[in-house]
Amino acid sequence: MTDSPLKRPLREQYAGLRSGTLTATHLAEASLAAHQARGEHDHAYLTWNGEAALAFAQATDAVIRQGGDAGALMGIPVSIKDIYAVPGLPTYAGSSQRLPQTWEQPGPMVSALLAQLPSVMGKTHTVEFAFGGLGTNAHWGAPRNPWDLKDHRTPGGSSAGAGVSLVGGTASLALGTDTAGSVRIPAAMTGVAGLKTTAGRWPTNQIVPLSSTLDTPGLLAHRVDDLAFAFDALDGALTRRAARVPAPPVLADLTFGVPSAFFWDDCSPGVAEAVEAAIRRLEAAGARVVTLDLPHTDEAYTLFQQGGLAAAELAALLKTELPEMIEALDPNVAARVKAADDMPAWEYVRRRAVIDKLTAAAATRLADVDAMLTPTVAITPPTLESLLPEGAYARANMQALRNTVIANFMGLCGLTLPAGKDGAGMPVGLQVLAGPWQDARLLAIGQAIEEQLGTGPDLLGEPPAP
């Protein structure tokens, strides 16, 4: 897969499509070949749209030959998490039943994407209703983390198939969502880059909601620079705050805050070491590194352990709009939805107020630095077998989400990029956090970090072939 055109930088794909050295058809054919070679092994897609995408790519090439240009993502192979409504493709949201057809009418995010005529290769697996950080699904099975051929390891969730679609060579860009880490966790666990946007920046209409308060659309790609390219392509159509990603700053002009505790607790062997080594490289290149702890971090995590807002808000969706889905829920999802029955209204209102307090305090503290650096995920991707004993899933799920959920509960935008491998030979992510509405600058900072550390392919190489 090293020569796959889908793994070239998006800027190169964009230029090649317009110069005639690359075609949308060639990209789609490469995606189909990758799916044929490893699709059954990777299990990234719930709905594969390859043949239709190929026909669409051929039509796109005809438009390009006539001088047409629908946007920067024209002809680019894209995968979409099966929680977005996409015309002509079913939406299951990871559940056992197809959702009503209203969930096949696109919202602003998908409409902005489709207007640029990408090749939609299919809809990727998600944890049921996006409620989980490991990527498992009792109805459809879990995609396989491509970096371990021997054991079936989790790919990270809830955007479980998104990172796998990239590493497996079937997509150049993946759409996911992030409520507590659901873009950053799978990106980190599969060795790609991921962006969690500020809540409210991009609309969530026609994305099946987990938490109406905290849900955020996001992107996964092979590199931070690819994320920046796609962000520029989409942001103007999605927000009044549209701002192009600026040129990457000089590392010597940046100050990074690094927490002294919490994010580093109970890391799997090699995780903290890989992130610490990456931070040392940035410091050696001139960046200033200071100790910075976010206020009320323990309070935020305790609130998450109590169910946060997602359990109550998902329960509201299911009971009012999809009651027929409740009896068939994945047991790991059903237990948390049922727990919301015991939450009084005053407690929900209190939790909303706590989120507001956490957001204000974090924004104030992060004003002292350009960004904060932490491990993205503290644990190595667990094997499915290790999650079978009673209580094992709940423990691992909390550990996987611990470092990422802080950004969601504190209103931050967040980024992850590969930092190396852990003791088990699995990818490790470096998380970069910035204050609300700093998404464009965060991507520029991420580009500067990536220029110093190298991209995922540079650091990790290629996953083993099945």
Foldseek 3Di string as FASTA:
>chain_A
DVPQPLQDFLVVVLVCCLVVVDFLLSLLVQLVVLCVQCVVQQVFAPWFPSVVLNVLRVVLSVCSVVVDFQFSQASFEEEEALQFADAPAFRDQLFQDTDPNVLNDGDLQVVLVVSRHYRHGHHTAFARLFPFWFQAGPRRGGGAQLQDPPFRFTLTARSRSFLVSAQSSNGQKYKDKDQLCHFPLNCQQNFWKKWFAFPPQFDCPSRRHLFPQQITIMMIHQALSSRLSVCLGRNVSGHPLDDRQDAFDQQLPFEAEEEPDDLQPPFDFAQQVLQVVLVVLSVVSRHHYDHADQPCLVVLLVCVVLPQRRLLRNLVCCVPPNVVRQVRHDVVNNVSNVSNVPDDPVNNVVSVVQLVVLQVRRQVRQVVGAKYKGWQARYRRGGPVQCPPPPRRVVRRSRRSSNRNSCSSRRKIKMWHWRAAGPVLTTIIMMIIHHHPCRSHSSSNRVNSCVRRPTSCVRRPRRDRD
